């Protein structure tokens, strides 16, 4: 956790856009990022990132992510686009938006009723 948090500024913002019908989930500050983003999502995870593009202090890329949390939700792997802005060599904001295909799988998984 400390290694991951070391990449962020103290007041960083992480935003995850899970579906077009759900509001984005936003976490501000290292402690919220730790408890609401890193701890639930970054255990037993792997990221395959590609197509990096830089525009000034912004970096954009595409990722495929496998994680235990996504396995439990029945949507593993997830795909999407990330945008990070940097201040002083650290991430000041990170936004991850699920791909349309992942959004559809997530909505379908959320609509299932337990048997």
PDB file of N, CA and C in Angstrom:
ATOM      1  N   UNK A   1       0.816  -1.192   0.000  1.00  0.00           N
ATOM      2  CA  UNK A   1       0.000   0.000   0.000  1.00  0.00           C
ATOM      3  C   UNK A   1       0.860   1.256   0.000  1.00  0.00           C
ATOM      4  N   UNK A   2       1.892   1.264   0.823  1.00  0.00           N
ATOM      5  CA  UNK A   2       2.735   2.456   0.916  1.00  0.00           C
ATOM      6  C   UNK A   2       3.435   2.747  -0.413  1.00  0.00           C
ATOM      7  N   UNK A   3       3.846   1.699  -1.112  1.00  0.00           N
ATOM      8  CA  UNK A   3       4.499   1.901  -2.409  1.00  0.00           C
ATOM      9  C   UNK A   3       3.537   2.558  -3.379  1.00  0.00           C
ATOM     10  N   UNK A   4       2.317   2.050  -3.452  1.00  0.00           N
ATOM     11  CA  UNK A   4       1.319   2.623  -4.357  1.00  0.00           C
ATOM     12  C   UNK A   4       1.014   4.056  -3.961  1.00  0.00           C
ATOM     13  N   UNK A   5       0.772   4.308  -2.682  1.00  0.00           N
ATOM     14  CA  UNK A   5       0.436   5.653  -2.218  1.00  0.00           C
ATOM     15  C   UNK A   5       1.582   6.633  -2.431  1.00  0.00           C
ATOM     16  N   UNK A   6       2.819   6.138  -2.473  1.00  0.00           N
ATOM     17  CA  UNK A   6       3.977   6.991  -2.713  1.00  0.00           C
ATOM     18  C   UNK A   6       3.974   7.639  -4.080  1.00  0.00           C
ATOM     19  N   UNK A   7       3.183   7.123  -5.005  1.00  0.00           N
ATOM     20  CA  UNK A   7       3.088   7.703  -6.341  1.00  0.00           C
ATOM     21  C   UNK A   7       2.141   8.902  -6.393  1.00  0.00           C
ATOM     22  N   UNK A   8       1.372   9.138  -5.311  1.00  0.00           N
ATOM     23  CA  UNK A   8       0.351  10.182  -5.295  1.00  0.00           C
ATOM     24  C   UNK A   8       0.765  11.372  -4.444  1.00  0.00           C
ATOM     25  N   UNK A   9       0.273  12.570  -4.826  1.00  0.00           N
ATOM     26  CA  UNK A   9       0.442  13.741  -3.974  1.00  0.00           C
ATOM     27  C   UNK A   9      -0.441  13.558  -2.739  1.00  0.00           C
ATOM     28  N   UNK A  10      -0.189  14.338  -1.691  1.00  0.00           N
ATOM     29  CA  UNK A  10      -0.968  14.206  -0.460  1.00  0.00           C
ATOM     30  C   UNK A  10      -2.455  14.457  -0.677  1.00  0.00           C
ATOM     31  N   UNK A  11      -2.807  15.383  -1.570  1.00  0.00           N
ATOM     32  CA  UNK A  11      -4.209  15.744  -1.814  1.00  0.00           C
ATOM     33  C   UNK A  11      -4.720  15.199  -3.148  1.00  0.00           C
ATOM     34  N   UNK A  12      -4.157  14.101  -3.597  1.00  0.00           N
ATOM     35  CA  UNK A  12      -4.540  13.526  -4.890  1.00  0.00           C
ATOM     36  C   UNK A  12      -6.008  13.134  -4.909  1.00  0.00           C
ATOM     37  N   UNK A  13      -6.528  13.036  -6.124  1.00  0.00           N
ATOM     38  CA  UNK A  13      -7.901  12.607  -6.355  1.00  0.00           C
ATOM     39  C   UNK A  13      -7.886  11.401  -7.279  1.00  0.00           C
ATOM     40  N   UNK A  14      -8.608  10.346  -6.903  1.00  0.00           N
ATOM     41  CA  UNK A  14      -8.811   9.184  -7.768  1.00  0.00           C
ATOM     42  C   UNK A  14     -10.304   9.113  -8.052  1.00  0.00           C
ATOM     43  N   UNK A  15     -10.640   9.023  -9.337  1.00  0.00           N
ATOM     44  CA  UNK A  15     -12.032   8.930  -9.759  1.00  0.00           C
ATOM     45  C   UNK A  15     -12.196   7.692 -10.625  1.00  0.00           C
ATOM     46  N   UNK A  16     -13.205   6.887 -10.307  1.00  0.00           N
ATOM     47  CA  UNK A  16     -13.520   5.692 -11.091  1.00  0.00           C
ATOM     48  C   UNK A  16     -14.940   5.853 -11.620  1.00  0.00           C
ATOM     49  N   UNK A  17     -15.082   5.702 -12.931  1.00  0.00           N
ATOM     50  CA  UNK A  17     -16.393   5.778 -13.564  1.00  0.00           C
ATOM     51  C   UNK A  17     -16.805   4.367 -13.943  1.00  0.00           C
ATOM     52  N   UNK A  18     -17.630   3.722 -13.102  1.00  0.00           N
ATOM     53  CA  UNK A  18     -17.955   2.313 -13.317  1.00  0.00           C
ATOM     54  C   UNK A  18     -18.947   2.070 -14.445  1.00  0.00           C
ATOM     55  N   UNK A  19     -19.982   2.897 -14.559  1.00  0.00           N
ATOM     56  CA  UNK A  19     -20.982   2.738 -15.617  1.00  0.00           C
ATOM     57  C   UNK A  19     -21.519   4.112 -15.982  1.00  0.00           C
ATOM     58  N   UNK A  20     -22.134   4.189 -17.138  1.00  0.00           N
ATOM     59  CA  UNK A  20     -22.703   5.471 -17.547  1.00  0.00           C
ATOM     60  C   UNK A  20     -23.904   5.848 -16.693  1.00  0.00           C
ATOM     61  N   UNK A  21     -24.552   4.861 -16.079  1.00  0.00           N
ATOM     62  CA  UNK A  21     -25.749   5.150 -15.277  1.00  0.00           C
ATOM     63  C   UNK A  21     -25.435   5.392 -13.799  1.00  0.00           C
ATOM     64  N   UNK A  22     -24.210   5.147 -13.389  1.00  0.00           N
ATOM     65  CA  UNK A  22     -23.835   5.352 -11.989  1.00  0.00           C
ATOM     66  C   UNK A  22     -22.922   6.571 -11.870  1.00  0.00           C
ATOM     67  N   UNK A  23     -23.035   7.306 -10.776  1.00  0.00           N
ATOM     68  CA  UNK A  23     -22.135   8.452 -10.602  1.00  0.00           C
ATOM     69  C   UNK A  23     -20.703   7.972 -10.390  1.00  0.00           C
ATOM     70  N   UNK A  24     -19.735   8.791 -10.805  1.00  0.00           N
ATOM     71  CA  UNK A  24     -18.337   8.413 -10.565  1.00  0.00           C
ATOM     72  C   UNK A  24     -18.065   8.276  -9.069  1.00  0.00           C
ATOM     73  N   UNK A  25     -17.137   7.396  -8.736  1.00  0.00           N
ATOM     74  CA  UNK A  25     -16.683   7.237  -7.357  1.00  0.00           C
ATOM     75  C   UNK A  25     -15.394   8.037  -7.236  1.00  0.00           C
ATOM     76  N   UNK A  26     -15.352   8.992  -6.303  1.00  0.00           N
ATOM     77  CA  UNK A  26     -14.201   9.876  -6.167  1.00  0.00           C
ATOM     78  C   UNK A  26     -13.629   9.765  -4.769  1.00  0.00           C
ATOM     79  N   UNK A  27     -12.308   9.642  -4.699  1.00  0.00           N
ATOM     80  CA  UNK A  27     -11.580   9.519  -3.434  1.00  0.00           C
ATOM     81  C   UNK A  27     -10.526  10.608  -3.400  1.00  0.00           C
ATOM     82  N   UNK A  28     -10.547  11.443  -2.355  1.00  0.00           N
ATOM     83  CA  UNK A  28      -9.635  12.576  -2.251  1.00  0.00           C
ATOM     84  C   UNK A  28      -8.736  12.402  -1.039  1.00  0.00           C
ATOM     85  N   UNK A  29      -7.438  12.562  -1.250  1.00  0.00           N
ATOM     86  CA  UNK A  29      -6.454  12.446  -0.184  1.00  0.00           C
ATOM     87  C   UNK A  29      -5.968  11.016  -0.032  1.00  0.00           C
ATOM     88  N   UNK A  30      -4.738  10.881   0.442  1.00  0.00           N
ATOM     89  CA  UNK A  30      -4.111   9.558   0.521  1.00  0.00           C
ATOM     90  C   UNK A  30      -4.873   8.560   1.393  1.00  0.00           C
ATOM     91  N   UNK A  31      -5.442   9.012   2.508  1.00  0.00           N
ATOM     92  CA  UNK A  31      -6.144   8.054   3.378  1.00  0.00           C
ATOM     93  C   UNK A  31      -7.398   7.506   2.723  1.00  0.00           C
ATOM     94  N   UNK A  32      -8.174   8.369   2.063  1.00  0.00           N
ATOM     95  CA  UNK A  32      -9.365   7.882   1.335  1.00  0.00           C
ATOM     96  C   UNK A  32      -8.952   6.989   0.175  1.00  0.00           C
ATOM     97  N   UNK A  33      -7.876   7.346  -0.512  1.00  0.00           N
ATOM     98  CA  UNK A  33      -7.386   6.508  -1.606  1.00  0.00           C
ATOM     99  C   UNK A  33      -6.975   5.142  -1.056  1.00  0.00           C
ATOM    100  N   UNK A  34      -6.327   5.133   0.093  1.00  0.00           N
ATOM    101  CA  UNK A  34      -5.909   3.873   0.724  1.00  0.00           C
ATOM    102  C   UNK A  34      -7.120   2.999   1.079  1.00  0.00           C
ATOM    103  N   UNK A  35      -8.064   3.568   1.841  1.00  0.00           N
ATOM    104  CA  UNK A  35      -9.151   2.757   2.385  1.00  0.00           C
ATOM    105  C   UNK A  35     -10.235   2.411   1.363  1.00  0.00           C
ATOM    106  N   UNK A  36     -10.480   3.315   0.397  1.00  0.00           N
ATOM    107  CA  UNK A  36     -11.604   3.112  -0.517  1.00  0.00           C
ATOM    108  C   UNK A  36     -11.202   2.663  -1.921  1.00  0.00           C
ATOM    109  N   UNK A  37      -9.897   2.734  -2.236  1.00  0.00           N
ATOM    110  CA  UNK A  37      -9.445   2.340  -3.568  1.00  0.00           C
ATOM    111  C   UNK A  37      -8.368   1.261  -3.506  1.00  0.00           C
ATOM    112  N   UNK A  38      -7.283   1.541  -2.828  1.00  0.00           N
ATOM    113  CA  UNK A  38      -6.161   0.592  -2.799  1.00  0.00           C
ATOM    114  C   UNK A  38      -6.541  -0.696  -2.071  1.00  0.00           C
ATOM    115  N   UNK A  39      -7.044  -0.596  -0.849  1.00  0.00           N
ATOM    116  CA  UNK A  39      -7.344  -1.800  -0.078  1.00  0.00           C
ATOM    117  C   UNK A  39      -8.399  -2.691  -0.733  1.00  0.00           C
ATOM    118  N   UNK A  40      -9.522  -2.146  -1.228  1.00  0.00           N
ATOM    119  CA  UNK A  40     -10.507  -3.057  -1.817  1.00  0.00           C
ATOM    120  C   UNK A  40     -10.144  -3.577  -3.207  1.00  0.00           C
ATOM    121  N   UNK A  41      -9.399  -2.802  -4.001  1.00  0.00           N
ATOM    122  CA  UNK A  41      -9.208  -3.174  -5.394  1.00  0.00           C
ATOM    123  C   UNK A  41      -7.822  -3.698  -5.746  1.00  0.00           C
ATOM    124  N   UNK A  42      -6.817  -3.401  -4.962  1.00  0.00           N
ATOM    125  CA  UNK A  42      -5.463  -3.696  -5.401  1.00  0.00           C
ATOM    126  C   UNK A  42      -4.820  -4.888  -4.721  1.00  0.00           C
ATOM    127  N   UNK A  43      -5.621  -5.809  -4.222  1.00  0.00           N
ATOM    128  CA  UNK A  43      -5.074  -7.055  -3.698  1.00  0.00           C
ATOM    129  C   UNK A  43      -5.257  -8.111  -4.776  1.00  0.00           C
ATOM    130  N   UNK A  44      -4.184  -8.846  -5.020  1.00  0.00           N
ATOM    131  CA  UNK A  44      -4.201  -9.878  -6.060  1.00  0.00           C
ATOM    132  C   UNK A  44      -4.681  -9.292  -7.378  1.00  0.00           C
ATOM    133  N   UNK A  45      -3.997  -8.244  -7.828  1.00  0.00           N
ATOM    134  CA  UNK A  45      -4.362  -7.598  -9.075  1.00  0.00           C
ATOM    135  C   UNK A  45      -3.183  -7.591 -10.040  1.00  0.00           C
ATOM    136  N   UNK A  46      -3.511  -7.481 -11.304  1.00  0.00           N
ATOM    137  CA  UNK A  46      -2.496  -7.374 -12.349  1.00  0.00           C
ATOM    138  C   UNK A  46      -3.023  -6.398 -13.386  1.00  0.00           C
ATOM    139  N   UNK A  47      -2.148  -5.531 -13.870  1.00  0.00           N
ATOM    140  CA  UNK A  47      -2.533  -4.522 -14.845  1.00  0.00           C
ATOM    141  C   UNK A  47      -1.679  -4.686 -16.095  1.00  0.00           C
ATOM    142  N   UNK A  48      -2.334  -4.721 -17.240  1.00  0.00           N
ATOM    143  CA  UNK A  48      -1.658  -4.710 -18.530  1.00  0.00           C
ATOM    144  C   UNK A  48      -2.014  -3.391 -19.196  1.00  0.00           C
ATOM    145  N   UNK A  49      -1.050  -2.461 -19.251  1.00  0.00           N
ATOM    146  CA  UNK A  49      -1.309  -1.133 -19.810  1.00  0.00           C
ATOM    147  C   UNK A  49      -0.624  -0.988 -21.159  1.00  0.00           C
ATOM    148  N   UNK A  50      -1.237  -0.163 -22.037  1.00  0.00           N
ATOM    149  CA  UNK A  50      -0.724   0.005 -23.390  1.00  0.00           C
ATOM    150  C   UNK A  50      -1.199   1.350 -23.958  1.00  0.00           C
ATOM    151  N   UNK A  51      -0.655   1.690 -25.116  1.00  0.00           N
ATOM    152  CA  UNK A  51      -1.046   2.901 -25.848  1.00  0.00           C
ATOM    153  C   UNK A  51      -0.907   4.171 -25.009  1.00  0.00           C
ATOM    154  N   UNK A  52       0.260   4.338 -24.411  1.00  0.00           N
ATOM    155  CA  UNK A  52       0.522   5.532 -23.608  1.00  0.00           C
ATOM    156  C   UNK A  52       0.614   6.757 -24.510  1.00  0.00           C
ATOM    157  N   UNK A  53       0.009   7.864 -24.049  1.00  0.00           N
ATOM    158  CA  UNK A  53       0.095   9.136 -24.741  1.00  0.00           C
ATOM    159  C   UNK A  53       0.297  10.227 -23.699  1.00  0.00           C
ATOM    160  N   UNK A  54       1.213  11.139 -23.986  1.00  0.00           N
ATOM    161  CA  UNK A  54       1.480  12.231 -23.057  1.00  0.00           C
ATOM    162  C   UNK A  54       1.074  13.546 -23.695  1.00  0.00           C
ATOM    163  N   UNK A  55       0.457  14.404 -22.886  1.00  0.00           N
ATOM    164  CA  UNK A  55       0.051  15.734 -23.306  1.00  0.00           C
ATOM    165  C   UNK A  55       0.378  16.679 -22.159  1.00  0.00           C
ATOM    166  N   UNK A  56       1.556  17.287 -22.207  1.00  0.00           N
ATOM    167  CA  UNK A  56       1.993  18.162 -21.117  1.00  0.00           C
ATOM    168  C   UNK A  56       2.174  17.370 -19.838  1.00  0.00           C
ATOM    169  N   UNK A  57       1.447  17.751 -18.776  1.00  0.00           N
ATOM    170  CA  UNK A  57       1.556  17.044 -17.496  1.00  0.00           C
ATOM    171  C   UNK A  57       0.508  15.943 -17.362  1.00  0.00           C
ATOM    172  N   UNK A  58      -0.150  15.587 -18.479  1.00  0.00           N
ATOM    173  CA  UNK A  58      -1.161  14.517 -18.479  1.00  0.00           C
ATOM    174  C   UNK A  58      -0.643  13.293 -19.223  1.00  0.00           C
ATOM    175  N   UNK A  59      -0.974  12.138 -18.705  1.00  0.00           N
ATOM    176  CA  UNK A  59      -0.661  10.864 -19.355  1.00  0.00           C
ATOM    177  C   UNK A  59      -1.975  10.111 -19.511  1.00  0.00           C
ATOM    178  N   UNK A  60      -2.187   9.552 -20.715  1.00  0.00           N
ATOM    179  CA  UNK A  60      -3.383   8.758 -21.001  1.00  0.00           C
ATOM    180  C   UNK A  60      -2.934   7.382 -21.437  1.00  0.00           C
ATOM    181  N   UNK A  61      -3.693   6.336 -21.049  1.00  0.00           N
ATOM    182  CA  UNK A  61      -3.376   4.986 -21.475  1.00  0.00           C
ATOM    183  C   UNK A  61      -4.596   4.097 -21.337  1.00  0.00           C
ATOM    184  N   UNK A  62      -4.513   2.921 -21.939  1.00  0.00           N
ATOM    185  CA  UNK A  62      -5.564   1.915 -21.846  1.00  0.00           C
ATOM    186  C   UNK A  62      -5.046   0.772 -20.994  1.00  0.00           C
ATOM    187  N   UNK A  63      -5.946   0.139 -20.248  1.00  0.00           N
ATOM    188  CA  UNK A  63      -5.536  -0.949 -19.359  1.00  0.00           C
ATOM    189  C   UNK A  63      -6.553  -2.077 -19.356  1.00  0.00           C
ATOM    190  N   UNK A  64      -6.027  -3.281 -19.134  1.00  0.00           N
ATOM    191  CA  UNK A  64      -6.830  -4.447 -18.798  1.00  0.00           C
ATOM    192  C   UNK A  64      -6.392  -4.850 -17.402  1.00  0.00           C
ATOM    193  N   UNK A  65      -7.354  -4.951 -16.487  1.00  0.00           N
ATOM    194  CA  UNK A  65      -7.032  -5.204 -15.082  1.00  0.00           C
ATOM    195  C   UNK A  65      -7.740  -6.475 -14.624  1.00  0.00           C
ATOM    196  N   UNK A  66      -6.973  -7.367 -14.021  1.00  0.00           N
ATOM    197  CA  UNK A  66      -7.556  -8.523 -13.348  1.00  0.00           C
ATOM    198  C   UNK A  66      -7.329  -8.325 -11.856  1.00  0.00           C
ATOM    199  N   UNK A  67      -8.353  -8.624 -11.071  1.00  0.00           N
ATOM    200  CA  UNK A  67      -8.259  -8.441  -9.625  1.00  0.00           C
ATOM    201  C   UNK A  67      -9.254  -9.352  -8.932  1.00  0.00           C
ATOM    202  N   UNK A  68      -8.933  -9.729  -7.710  1.00  0.00           N
ATOM    203  CA  UNK A  68      -9.817 -10.580  -6.916  1.00  0.00           C
ATOM    204  C   UNK A  68     -11.194  -9.940  -6.757  1.00  0.00           C
ATOM    205  N   UNK A  69     -11.238  -8.643  -6.507  1.00  0.00           N
ATOM    206  CA  UNK A  69     -12.517  -7.941  -6.333  1.00  0.00           C
ATOM    207  C   UNK A  69     -13.376  -8.084  -7.588  1.00  0.00           C
ATOM    208  N   UNK A  70     -12.775  -7.968  -8.765  1.00  0.00           N
ATOM    209  CA  UNK A  70     -13.537  -8.099 -10.008  1.00  0.00           C
ATOM    210  C   UNK A  70     -13.960  -9.549 -10.242  1.00  0.00           C
ATOM    211  N   UNK A  71     -13.120 -10.507  -9.813  1.00  0.00           N
ATOM    212  CA  UNK A  71     -13.517 -11.918  -9.896  1.00  0.00           C
ATOM    213  C   UNK A  71     -14.763 -12.159  -9.053  1.00  0.00           C
ATOM    214  N   UNK A  72     -14.764 -11.615  -7.829  1.00  0.00           N
ATOM    215  CA  UNK A  72     -15.903 -11.783  -6.922  1.00  0.00           C
ATOM    216  C   UNK A  72     -17.171 -11.162  -7.498  1.00  0.00           C
ATOM    217  N   UNK A  73     -17.020 -10.080  -8.262  1.00  0.00           N
ATOM    218  CA  UNK A  73     -18.170  -9.398  -8.853  1.00  0.00           C
ATOM    219  C   UNK A  73     -18.602 -10.042 -10.168  1.00  0.00           C
ATOM    220  N   UNK A  74     -17.808 -10.995 -10.678  1.00  0.00           N
ATOM    221  CA  UNK A  74     -18.142 -11.669 -11.929  1.00  0.00           C
ATOM    222  C   UNK A  74     -17.879 -10.844 -13.171  1.00  0.00           C
ATOM    223  N   UNK A  75     -16.957  -9.882 -13.087  1.00  0.00           N
ATOM    224  CA  UNK A  75     -16.675  -9.014 -14.236  1.00  0.00           C
ATOM    225  C   UNK A  75     -15.201  -9.014 -14.624  1.00  0.00           C
ATOM    226  N   UNK A  76     -14.444  -9.970 -14.155  1.00  0.00           N
ATOM    227  CA  UNK A  76     -13.001 -10.037 -14.392  1.00  0.00           C
ATOM    228  C   UNK A  76     -12.729 -10.551 -15.803  1.00  0.00           C
ATOM    229  N   UNK A  77     -11.806  -9.957 -16.553  1.00  0.00           N
ATOM    230  CA  UNK A  77     -11.070  -8.725 -16.278  1.00  0.00           C
ATOM    231  C   UNK A  77     -11.897  -7.508 -16.680  1.00  0.00           C
ATOM    232  N   UNK A  78     -11.453  -6.344 -16.223  1.00  0.00           N
ATOM    233  CA  UNK A  78     -12.076  -5.090 -16.649  1.00  0.00           C
ATOM    234  C   UNK A  78     -11.106  -4.367 -17.574  1.00  0.00           C
ATOM    235  N   UNK A  79     -11.673  -3.599 -18.478  1.00  0.00           N
ATOM    236  CA  UNK A  79     -10.862  -2.800 -19.396  1.00  0.00           C
ATOM    237  C   UNK A  79     -11.320  -1.361 -19.302  1.00  0.00           C
ATOM    238  N   UNK A  80     -10.411  -0.447 -19.608  1.00  0.00           N
ATOM    239  CA  UNK A  80     -10.785   0.953 -19.590  1.00  0.00           C
ATOM    240  C   UNK A  80      -9.638   1.860 -19.946  1.00  0.00           C
ATOM    241  N   UNK A  81      -9.906   3.139 -19.774  1.00  0.00           N
ATOM    242  CA  UNK A  81      -8.945   4.188 -20.101  1.00  0.00           C
ATOM    243  C   UNK A  81      -8.609   4.962 -18.831  1.00  0.00           C
ATOM    244  N   UNK A  82      -7.325   5.243 -18.656  1.00  0.00           N
ATOM    245  CA  UNK A  82      -6.868   6.010 -17.500  1.00  0.00           C
ATOM    246  C   UNK A  82      -6.284   7.341 -17.974  1.00  0.00           C
ATOM    247  N   UNK A  83      -6.494   8.364 -17.167  1.00  0.00           N
ATOM    248  CA  UNK A  83      -5.905   9.676 -17.396  1.00  0.00           C
ATOM    249  C   UNK A  83      -5.316  10.132 -16.071  1.00  0.00           C
ATOM    250  N   UNK A  84      -4.017  10.446 -16.076  1.00  0.00           N
ATOM    251  CA  UNK A  84      -3.361  10.934 -14.859  1.00  0.00           C
ATOM    252  C   UNK A  84      -2.759  12.306 -15.129  1.00  0.00           C
ATOM    253  N   UNK A  85      -2.887  13.199 -14.156  1.00  0.00           N
ATOM    254  CA  UNK A  85      -2.172  14.474 -14.212  1.00  0.00           C
ATOM    255  C   UNK A  85      -1.122  14.459 -13.107  1.00  0.00           C
ATOM    256  N   UNK A  86      -0.002  15.068 -13.397  1.00  0.00           N
ATOM    257  CA  UNK A  86       1.143  15.022 -12.499  1.00  0.00           C
ATOM    258  C   UNK A  86       1.503  16.404 -11.983  1.00  0.00           C
ATOM    259  N   UNK A  87       1.944  16.431 -10.728  1.00  0.00           N
ATOM    260  CA  UNK A  87       2.502  17.632 -10.095  1.00  0.00           C
ATOM    261  C   UNK A  87       3.771  17.207  -9.380  1.00  0.00           C
ATOM    262  N   UNK A  88       4.875  17.806  -9.728  1.00  0.00           N
ATOM    263  CA  UNK A  88       6.135  17.487  -9.062  1.00  0.00           C
ATOM    264  C   UNK A  88       6.510  16.022  -9.162  1.00  0.00           C
ATOM    265  N   UNK A  89       6.203  15.383 -10.269  1.00  0.00           N
ATOM    266  CA  UNK A  89       6.573  13.983 -10.470  1.00  0.00           C
ATOM    267  C   UNK A  89       5.646  12.977  -9.812  1.00  0.00           C
ATOM    268  N   UNK A  90       4.570  13.452  -9.166  1.00  0.00           N
ATOM    269  CA  UNK A  90       3.608  12.544  -8.527  1.00  0.00           C
ATOM    270  C   UNK A  90       2.228  12.745  -9.142  1.00  0.00           C
ATOM    271  N   UNK A  91       1.369  11.742  -8.979  1.00  0.00           N
ATOM    272  CA  UNK A  91       0.023  11.805  -9.526  1.00  0.00           C
ATOM    273  C   UNK A  91      -0.839  12.714  -8.650  1.00  0.00           C
ATOM    274  N   UNK A  92      -1.396  13.763  -9.281  1.00  0.00           N
ATOM    275  CA  UNK A  92      -2.313  14.664  -8.579  1.00  0.00           C
ATOM    276  C   UNK A  92      -3.747  14.223  -8.790  1.00  0.00           C
ATOM    277  N   UNK A  93      -4.026  13.644  -9.952  1.00  0.00           N
ATOM    278  CA  UNK A  93      -5.365  13.098 -10.196  1.00  0.00           C
ATOM    279  C   UNK A  93      -5.247  11.905 -11.132  1.00  0.00           C
ATOM    280  N   UNK A  94      -6.084  10.924 -10.886  1.00  0.00           N
ATOM    281  CA  UNK A  94      -6.145   9.720 -11.705  1.00  0.00           C
ATOM    282  C   UNK A  94      -7.616   9.404 -11.933  1.00  0.00           C
ATOM    283  N   UNK A  95      -7.995   9.293 -13.189  1.00  0.00           N
ATOM    284  CA  UNK A  95      -9.373   8.951 -13.539  1.00  0.00           C
ATOM    285  C   UNK A  95      -9.343   7.691 -14.375  1.00  0.00           C
ATOM    286  N   UNK A  96     -10.125   6.700 -13.972  1.00  0.00           N
ATOM    287  CA  UNK A  96     -10.238   5.461 -14.735  1.00  0.00           C
ATOM    288  C   UNK A  96     -11.693   5.296 -15.140  1.00  0.00           C
ATOM    289  N   UNK A  97     -11.908   5.125 -16.441  1.00  0.00           N
ATOM    290  CA  UNK A  97     -13.251   4.949 -16.983  1.00  0.00           C
ATOM    291  C   UNK A  97     -13.339   3.574 -17.613  1.00  0.00           C
ATOM    292  N   UNK A  98     -14.280   2.767 -17.133  1.00  0.00           N
ATOM    293  CA  UNK A  98     -14.468   1.435 -17.698  1.00  0.00           C
ATOM    294  C   UNK A  98     -14.871   1.539 -19.167  1.00  0.00           C
ATOM    295  N   UNK A  99     -14.427   0.587 -19.977  1.00  0.00           N
ATOM    296  CA  UNK A  99     -14.801   0.525 -21.387  1.00  0.00           C
ATOM    297  C   UNK A  99     -16.302   0.235 -21.487  1.00  0.00           C
ATOM    298  N   UNK A 100     -16.917   0.547 -22.635  1.00  0.00           N
ATOM    299  CA  UNK A 100     -18.345   0.218 -22.798  1.00  0.00           C
ATOM    300  C   UNK A 100     -18.647  -1.266 -22.567  1.00  0.00           C
ATOM    301  N   UNK A 101     -17.775  -2.168 -23.048  1.00  0.00           N
ATOM    302  CA  UNK A 101     -18.012  -3.606 -22.846  1.00  0.00           C
ATOM    303  C   UNK A 101     -17.965  -3.963 -21.365  1.00  0.00           C
ATOM    304  N   UNK A 102     -17.019  -3.392 -20.625  1.00  0.00           N
ATOM    305  CA  UNK A 102     -16.929  -3.655 -19.185  1.00  0.00           C
ATOM    306  C   UNK A 102     -18.133  -3.055 -18.467  1.00  0.00           C
ATOM    307  N   UNK A 103     -18.571  -1.866 -18.884  1.00  0.00           N
ATOM    308  CA  UNK A 103     -19.751  -1.256 -18.278  1.00  0.00           C
ATOM    309  C   UNK A 103     -20.975  -2.154 -18.456  1.00  0.00           C
ATOM    310  N   UNK A 104     -21.121  -2.727 -19.636  1.00  0.00           N
ATOM    311  CA  UNK A 104     -22.255  -3.623 -19.889  1.00  0.00           C
ATOM    312  C   UNK A 104     -22.183  -4.863 -18.997  1.00  0.00           C
ATOM    313  N   UNK A 105     -20.971  -5.461 -18.881  1.00  0.00           N
ATOM    314  CA  UNK A 105     -20.817  -6.639 -18.015  1.00  0.00           C
ATOM    315  C   UNK A 105     -21.118  -6.275 -16.573  1.00  0.00           C
ATOM    316  N   UNK A 106     -20.665  -5.119 -16.145  1.00  0.00           N
ATOM    317  CA  UNK A 106     -20.896  -4.708 -14.754  1.00  0.00           C
ATOM    318  C   UNK A 106     -22.381  -4.482 -14.487  1.00  0.00           C
ATOM    319  N   UNK A 107     -23.080  -3.850 -15.426  1.00  0.00           N
ATOM    320  CA  UNK A 107     -24.509  -3.639 -15.255  1.00  0.00           C
ATOM    321  C   UNK A 107     -25.244  -4.977 -15.242  1.00  0.00           C
ATOM    322  N   UNK A 108     -24.846  -5.895 -16.126  1.00  0.00           N
ATOM    323  CA  UNK A 108     -25.471  -7.218 -16.164  1.00  0.00           C
ATOM    324  C   UNK A 108     -25.225  -7.980 -14.867  1.00  0.00           C
ATOM    325  N   UNK A 109     -24.014  -7.888 -14.326  1.00  0.00           N
ATOM    326  CA  UNK A 109     -23.688  -8.574 -13.069  1.00  0.00           C
ATOM    327  C   UNK A 109     -24.477  -7.977 -11.912  1.00  0.00           C
ATOM    328  N   UNK A 110     -24.688  -6.674 -11.945  1.00  0.00           N
ATOM    329  CA  UNK A 110     -25.452  -6.000 -10.893  1.00  0.00           C
ATOM    330  C   UNK A 110     -26.936  -6.312 -10.948  1.00  0.00           C
ATOM    331  N   UNK A 111     -27.424  -6.703 -12.131  1.00  0.00           N
ATOM    332  CA  UNK A 111     -28.837  -7.007 -12.288  1.00  0.00           C
ATOM    333  C   UNK A 111     -29.180  -8.456 -12.008  1.00  0.00           C
ATOM    334  N   UNK A 112     -28.167  -9.295 -11.804  1.00  0.00           N
ATOM    335  CA  UNK A 112     -28.436 -10.703 -11.504  1.00  0.00           C
ATOM    336  C   UNK A 112     -28.999 -10.843 -10.104  1.00  0.00           C
ATOM    337  N   UNK A 113     -29.904 -11.760  -9.948  1.00  0.00           N
ATOM    338  CA  UNK A 113     -30.437 -12.051  -8.614  1.00  0.00           C
ATOM    339  C   UNK A 113     -29.817 -13.355  -8.130  1.00  0.00           C
ATOM    340  N   UNK A 114     -29.441 -13.420  -6.869  1.00  0.00           N
ATOM    341  CA  UNK A 114     -28.868 -14.662  -6.345  1.00  0.00           C
ATOM    342  C   UNK A 114     -29.875 -15.802  -6.431  1.00  0.00           C
ATOM    343  N   UNK A 115     -29.349 -17.017  -6.738  1.00  0.00           N
ATOM    344  CA  UNK A 115     -30.264 -18.160  -6.817  1.00  0.00           C
ATOM    345  C   UNK A 115     -30.364 -18.883  -5.496  1.00  0.00           C
TER     346      UNK A 115
END
